[in-house]
N, C-alpha and C. Protein backbone atom coordinates (compact mmCIF):
# COMPACT_ATOMS: atom_id res chain seq x y z
N MET A 1 -176.82 84.41 19.74
CA MET A 1 -176.63 83.30 20.66
C MET A 1 -175.42 83.56 21.55
N ALA A 2 -175.53 83.17 22.80
CA ALA A 2 -174.46 83.38 23.77
C ALA A 2 -173.23 82.54 23.41
N ASP A 3 -172.08 83.00 23.82
CA ASP A 3 -170.85 82.26 23.55
C ASP A 3 -170.45 81.39 24.74
N TYR A 4 -171.42 81.01 25.56
CA TYR A 4 -171.16 80.12 26.70
C TYR A 4 -172.26 79.07 26.75
N ASP A 5 -171.94 77.98 27.35
CA ASP A 5 -172.85 76.83 27.42
C ASP A 5 -173.32 76.70 28.88
N ARG A 6 -174.54 77.15 29.15
CA ARG A 6 -175.04 77.14 30.52
C ARG A 6 -175.24 75.73 31.06
N LEU A 7 -175.54 74.77 30.22
CA LEU A 7 -175.65 73.39 30.70
C LEU A 7 -174.29 72.90 31.18
N LYS A 8 -173.24 73.24 30.44
CA LYS A 8 -171.89 72.86 30.87
C LYS A 8 -171.52 73.57 32.16
N LEU A 9 -171.86 74.86 32.26
CA LEU A 9 -171.56 75.61 33.48
C LEU A 9 -172.29 75.00 34.68
N ALA A 10 -173.53 74.57 34.48
CA ALA A 10 -174.27 73.91 35.56
C ALA A 10 -173.55 72.62 35.96
N ARG A 11 -173.15 71.82 34.97
CA ARG A 11 -172.42 70.58 35.29
C ARG A 11 -171.12 70.91 36.03
N ASP A 12 -170.45 71.98 35.60
CA ASP A 12 -169.18 72.37 36.23
C ASP A 12 -169.36 72.70 37.71
N ILE A 13 -170.44 73.40 38.05
CA ILE A 13 -170.61 73.78 39.46
C ILE A 13 -170.88 72.56 40.33
N TYR A 14 -171.63 71.58 39.82
CA TYR A 14 -171.87 70.35 40.59
C TYR A 14 -170.59 69.54 40.69
N GLY A 15 -169.80 69.51 39.63
CA GLY A 15 -168.51 68.81 39.69
C GLY A 15 -167.58 69.44 40.72
N ALA A 16 -167.59 70.76 40.78
CA ALA A 16 -166.75 71.46 41.77
C ALA A 16 -167.25 71.21 43.18
N TYR A 17 -168.56 71.13 43.35
CA TYR A 17 -169.13 70.84 44.67
C TYR A 17 -168.69 69.45 45.11
N ARG A 18 -168.74 68.50 44.17
CA ARG A 18 -168.35 67.12 44.50
C ARG A 18 -166.86 67.03 44.84
N SER A 19 -166.04 67.74 44.07
CA SER A 19 -164.59 67.65 44.29
C SER A 19 -164.08 68.57 45.39
N GLY A 20 -164.94 69.48 45.86
CA GLY A 20 -164.53 70.41 46.91
C GLY A 20 -163.74 71.60 46.39
N ASP A 21 -163.86 71.90 45.09
CA ASP A 21 -163.10 73.00 44.49
C ASP A 21 -163.88 74.31 44.63
N ARG A 22 -163.73 74.94 45.76
CA ARG A 22 -164.47 76.17 46.06
C ARG A 22 -164.14 77.30 45.09
N GLY A 23 -162.92 77.33 44.59
CA GLY A 23 -162.53 78.37 43.64
C GLY A 23 -163.40 78.38 42.39
N VAL A 24 -163.73 77.22 41.89
CA VAL A 24 -164.60 77.13 40.71
C VAL A 24 -165.98 77.67 41.05
N VAL A 25 -166.50 77.30 42.22
CA VAL A 25 -167.83 77.77 42.63
C VAL A 25 -167.80 79.29 42.81
N GLU A 26 -166.78 79.81 43.45
CA GLU A 26 -166.67 81.26 43.64
C GLU A 26 -166.66 81.99 42.30
N HIS A 27 -165.98 81.41 41.32
CA HIS A 27 -165.89 82.02 39.99
C HIS A 27 -167.24 81.99 39.27
N LEU A 28 -168.04 80.95 39.48
CA LEU A 28 -169.30 80.79 38.76
C LEU A 28 -170.48 81.55 39.38
N LEU A 29 -170.31 82.07 40.59
CA LEU A 29 -171.40 82.81 41.25
C LEU A 29 -171.16 84.31 41.15
N THR A 30 -172.23 85.07 40.89
CA THR A 30 -172.10 86.53 40.88
C THR A 30 -171.86 87.03 42.30
N ASP A 31 -171.37 88.25 42.39
CA ASP A 31 -171.14 88.85 43.71
C ASP A 31 -172.44 89.03 44.48
N ASP A 32 -173.55 89.24 43.76
CA ASP A 32 -174.84 89.43 44.42
C ASP A 32 -175.70 88.15 44.39
N PHE A 33 -175.06 87.01 44.29
CA PHE A 33 -175.74 85.71 44.29
C PHE A 33 -176.68 85.58 45.49
N THR A 34 -177.88 85.02 45.24
CA THR A 34 -178.85 84.77 46.29
C THR A 34 -179.28 83.30 46.22
N PHE A 35 -179.39 82.67 47.38
CA PHE A 35 -179.71 81.25 47.49
C PHE A 35 -181.02 81.08 48.24
N TYR A 36 -181.88 80.23 47.69
CA TYR A 36 -183.18 79.94 48.30
C TYR A 36 -183.34 78.44 48.47
N SER A 37 -183.79 78.04 49.63
CA SER A 37 -184.20 76.66 49.90
C SER A 37 -185.19 76.72 51.05
N PRO A 38 -185.88 75.63 51.34
CA PRO A 38 -186.79 75.67 52.50
C PRO A 38 -186.07 76.02 53.80
N ALA A 39 -184.79 75.68 53.89
CA ALA A 39 -184.04 75.94 55.13
C ALA A 39 -183.34 77.31 55.13
N ASP A 40 -183.09 77.85 53.96
CA ASP A 40 -182.33 79.10 53.83
C ASP A 40 -183.01 79.97 52.78
N VAL A 41 -183.88 80.85 53.21
CA VAL A 41 -184.67 81.65 52.27
C VAL A 41 -183.98 82.98 51.99
N GLY A 42 -183.45 83.12 50.78
CA GLY A 42 -182.88 84.39 50.34
C GLY A 42 -181.58 84.78 51.00
N ILE A 43 -180.69 83.81 51.22
CA ILE A 43 -179.40 84.15 51.83
C ILE A 43 -178.43 84.66 50.77
N ASP A 44 -177.49 85.49 51.19
CA ASP A 44 -176.52 86.06 50.26
C ASP A 44 -175.35 85.11 50.06
N ARG A 45 -174.47 85.50 49.19
CA ARG A 45 -173.31 84.68 48.81
C ARG A 45 -172.45 84.30 50.02
N ALA A 46 -172.12 85.27 50.87
CA ALA A 46 -171.27 84.98 52.03
C ALA A 46 -171.95 83.97 52.96
N THR A 47 -173.23 84.13 53.20
CA THR A 47 -173.96 83.21 54.07
C THR A 47 -174.06 81.84 53.42
N TYR A 48 -174.23 81.81 52.10
CA TYR A 48 -174.26 80.53 51.37
C TYR A 48 -172.96 79.76 51.62
N PHE A 49 -171.83 80.43 51.47
CA PHE A 49 -170.56 79.73 51.68
C PHE A 49 -170.39 79.31 53.15
N GLU A 50 -170.90 80.09 54.06
CA GLU A 50 -170.81 79.76 55.48
C GLU A 50 -171.69 78.56 55.84
N ARG A 51 -172.93 78.57 55.39
CA ARG A 51 -173.89 77.53 55.78
C ARG A 51 -173.90 76.30 54.88
N CYS A 52 -173.79 76.52 53.59
CA CYS A 52 -174.01 75.43 52.63
C CYS A 52 -172.73 74.77 52.14
N TRP A 53 -171.69 75.55 51.95
CA TRP A 53 -170.45 75.00 51.38
C TRP A 53 -169.87 73.84 52.19
N PRO A 54 -169.92 73.84 53.53
CA PRO A 54 -169.36 72.71 54.26
C PRO A 54 -169.95 71.36 53.86
N ASN A 55 -171.15 71.35 53.29
CA ASN A 55 -171.75 70.08 52.83
C ASN A 55 -170.99 69.47 51.66
N ALA A 56 -170.17 70.25 50.98
CA ALA A 56 -169.42 69.72 49.84
C ALA A 56 -168.58 68.51 50.24
N GLY A 57 -168.06 68.52 51.44
CA GLY A 57 -167.24 67.41 51.91
C GLY A 57 -168.03 66.13 52.16
N LEU A 58 -169.34 66.21 52.12
CA LEU A 58 -170.19 65.04 52.36
C LEU A 58 -170.71 64.41 51.08
N ILE A 59 -170.41 64.99 49.92
CA ILE A 59 -170.96 64.54 48.65
C ILE A 59 -169.95 63.67 47.90
N GLU A 60 -170.39 62.50 47.52
CA GLU A 60 -169.55 61.61 46.71
C GLU A 60 -169.81 61.81 45.22
N GLY A 61 -171.07 62.06 44.86
CA GLY A 61 -171.34 62.23 43.44
C GLY A 61 -172.77 62.62 43.15
N PHE A 62 -173.00 63.03 41.90
CA PHE A 62 -174.31 63.41 41.40
C PHE A 62 -174.60 62.63 40.13
N GLU A 63 -175.83 62.18 39.97
CA GLU A 63 -176.29 61.60 38.72
C GLU A 63 -177.42 62.48 38.21
N PHE A 64 -177.19 63.14 37.09
CA PHE A 64 -178.18 64.06 36.55
C PHE A 64 -179.34 63.29 35.94
N LYS A 65 -180.55 63.64 36.34
CA LYS A 65 -181.76 63.06 35.80
C LYS A 65 -182.42 64.02 34.81
N ARG A 66 -182.17 65.32 35.00
CA ARG A 66 -182.78 66.34 34.16
C ARG A 66 -181.88 67.56 34.15
N LEU A 67 -181.58 68.05 32.96
CA LEU A 67 -180.86 69.32 32.75
C LEU A 67 -181.58 70.02 31.62
N ILE A 68 -182.30 71.08 31.95
CA ILE A 68 -183.12 71.77 30.96
C ILE A 68 -182.79 73.25 31.00
N GLU A 69 -182.41 73.80 29.87
CA GLU A 69 -182.18 75.23 29.77
C GLU A 69 -183.46 75.88 29.27
N ALA A 70 -183.92 76.89 30.00
CA ALA A 70 -185.12 77.64 29.63
C ALA A 70 -184.85 79.12 29.86
N GLY A 71 -184.57 79.84 28.81
CA GLY A 71 -184.24 81.25 28.94
C GLY A 71 -182.95 81.41 29.74
N ASP A 72 -183.01 82.19 30.81
CA ASP A 72 -181.84 82.43 31.66
C ASP A 72 -181.70 81.39 32.77
N GLU A 73 -182.53 80.37 32.75
CA GLU A 73 -182.51 79.37 33.83
C GLU A 73 -182.09 78.00 33.31
N VAL A 74 -181.49 77.25 34.22
CA VAL A 74 -181.22 75.83 33.99
C VAL A 74 -181.86 75.08 35.15
N VAL A 75 -182.74 74.15 34.80
CA VAL A 75 -183.41 73.31 35.79
C VAL A 75 -182.63 72.00 35.87
N VAL A 76 -182.23 71.66 37.08
CA VAL A 76 -181.41 70.47 37.31
C VAL A 76 -182.10 69.58 38.32
N THR A 77 -182.35 68.35 37.94
CA THR A 77 -182.77 67.33 38.90
C THR A 77 -181.66 66.30 38.95
N TYR A 78 -181.26 65.96 40.15
CA TYR A 78 -180.17 65.01 40.30
C TYR A 78 -180.44 64.07 41.47
N GLU A 79 -179.79 62.93 41.41
CA GLU A 79 -179.73 62.02 42.54
C GLU A 79 -178.29 62.08 43.03
N GLY A 80 -178.16 62.39 44.30
CA GLY A 80 -176.84 62.52 44.89
C GLY A 80 -176.54 61.37 45.82
N THR A 81 -175.26 61.12 45.98
CA THR A 81 -174.81 60.11 46.93
C THR A 81 -173.83 60.78 47.89
N LYS A 82 -174.10 60.60 49.17
CA LYS A 82 -173.20 61.13 50.20
C LYS A 82 -172.08 60.13 50.46
N THR A 83 -171.05 60.58 51.12
CA THR A 83 -169.90 59.72 51.41
C THR A 83 -170.28 58.55 52.32
N ASP A 84 -171.39 58.67 53.07
CA ASP A 84 -171.85 57.57 53.92
C ASP A 84 -172.77 56.60 53.18
N GLY A 85 -172.96 56.84 51.86
CA GLY A 85 -173.80 55.96 51.05
C GLY A 85 -175.25 56.40 50.95
N HIS A 86 -175.68 57.33 51.78
CA HIS A 86 -177.06 57.84 51.75
C HIS A 86 -177.31 58.50 50.40
N ARG A 87 -178.49 58.21 49.80
CA ARG A 87 -178.84 58.78 48.50
C ARG A 87 -180.06 59.69 48.64
N PHE A 88 -180.10 60.72 47.82
CA PHE A 88 -181.18 61.70 47.88
C PHE A 88 -181.42 62.27 46.48
N ARG A 89 -182.55 62.93 46.32
CA ARG A 89 -182.92 63.54 45.03
C ARG A 89 -183.36 64.98 45.27
N ASN A 90 -182.80 65.91 44.50
CA ASN A 90 -183.14 67.32 44.58
C ASN A 90 -183.41 67.87 43.19
N THR A 91 -184.16 68.96 43.15
CA THR A 91 -184.29 69.75 41.93
C THR A 91 -183.88 71.16 42.26
N GLU A 92 -183.11 71.76 41.37
CA GLU A 92 -182.63 73.12 41.55
C GLU A 92 -182.90 73.92 40.29
N VAL A 93 -183.21 75.19 40.49
CA VAL A 93 -183.36 76.13 39.38
C VAL A 93 -182.23 77.14 39.52
N LEU A 94 -181.32 77.13 38.55
CA LEU A 94 -180.18 78.04 38.54
C LEU A 94 -180.49 79.17 37.56
N THR A 95 -180.45 80.40 38.04
CA THR A 95 -180.69 81.56 37.17
C THR A 95 -179.35 82.19 36.83
N PHE A 96 -179.13 82.39 35.54
CA PHE A 96 -177.87 82.93 35.05
C PHE A 96 -178.01 84.39 34.66
N ARG A 97 -176.94 85.10 34.85
CA ARG A 97 -176.72 86.41 34.27
C ARG A 97 -175.44 86.26 33.47
N ALA A 98 -175.58 86.23 32.16
CA ALA A 98 -174.46 85.91 31.26
C ALA A 98 -173.93 84.52 31.62
N ASP A 99 -172.65 84.42 32.00
CA ASP A 99 -172.06 83.10 32.27
C ASP A 99 -171.87 82.83 33.76
N LYS A 100 -172.63 83.52 34.61
CA LYS A 100 -172.53 83.32 36.06
C LYS A 100 -173.91 83.10 36.65
N ILE A 101 -173.95 82.38 37.74
CA ILE A 101 -175.21 82.08 38.43
C ILE A 101 -175.48 83.19 39.43
N CYS A 102 -176.65 83.82 39.30
CA CYS A 102 -177.00 84.91 40.21
C CYS A 102 -178.04 84.49 41.25
N ARG A 103 -178.68 83.34 41.03
CA ARG A 103 -179.71 82.87 41.95
C ARG A 103 -179.82 81.36 41.84
N ALA A 104 -180.03 80.72 42.99
CA ALA A 104 -180.30 79.28 43.01
C ALA A 104 -181.50 79.03 43.92
N GLU A 105 -182.43 78.24 43.40
CA GLU A 105 -183.59 77.79 44.18
C GLU A 105 -183.46 76.28 44.31
N VAL A 106 -183.46 75.78 45.52
CA VAL A 106 -183.28 74.35 45.76
C VAL A 106 -184.55 73.77 46.39
N TYR A 107 -185.02 72.70 45.79
CA TYR A 107 -186.18 71.97 46.29
C TYR A 107 -185.71 70.58 46.66
N PHE A 108 -185.81 70.23 47.95
CA PHE A 108 -185.26 68.96 48.41
C PHE A 108 -186.22 68.25 49.34
N GLY A 109 -185.83 67.05 49.70
CA GLY A 109 -186.62 66.29 50.66
C GLY A 109 -186.83 64.85 50.27
N TRP A 110 -186.34 64.46 49.09
CA TRP A 110 -186.47 63.06 48.67
C TRP A 110 -185.26 62.27 49.13
N ASN A 111 -185.50 61.34 50.00
CA ASN A 111 -184.46 60.40 50.37
C ASN A 111 -184.69 59.12 49.57
N LEU A 112 -183.64 58.57 49.01
CA LEU A 112 -183.73 57.36 48.19
C LEU A 112 -183.16 56.18 48.96
N GLU A 113 -183.72 55.04 48.70
CA GLU A 113 -183.21 53.82 49.37
C GLU A 113 -182.05 53.26 48.64
């Protein structure tokens, strides 16, 4: 059994995204991290930080609806709240290599009232 808790690491990365702590996110992603979403298909780590990281300042919080560890992956469904009060729901599949995330797949498009 691994000596790290991937569910905790997943929670940690969302907490860092909410608080704007880029150092934590940089530490949790592998150097060859790849990000996939409908808007950004297969972007590398540097492009992820350029395009996606600025959204961290718009997030007030996350409420986890689902956290499931399956092999090297953690499936996360959350409802997020932006600083303007807008709410949304996403599901993400985080793929781990040891205690770091090497791939993220994001499925989004649910706006909540």
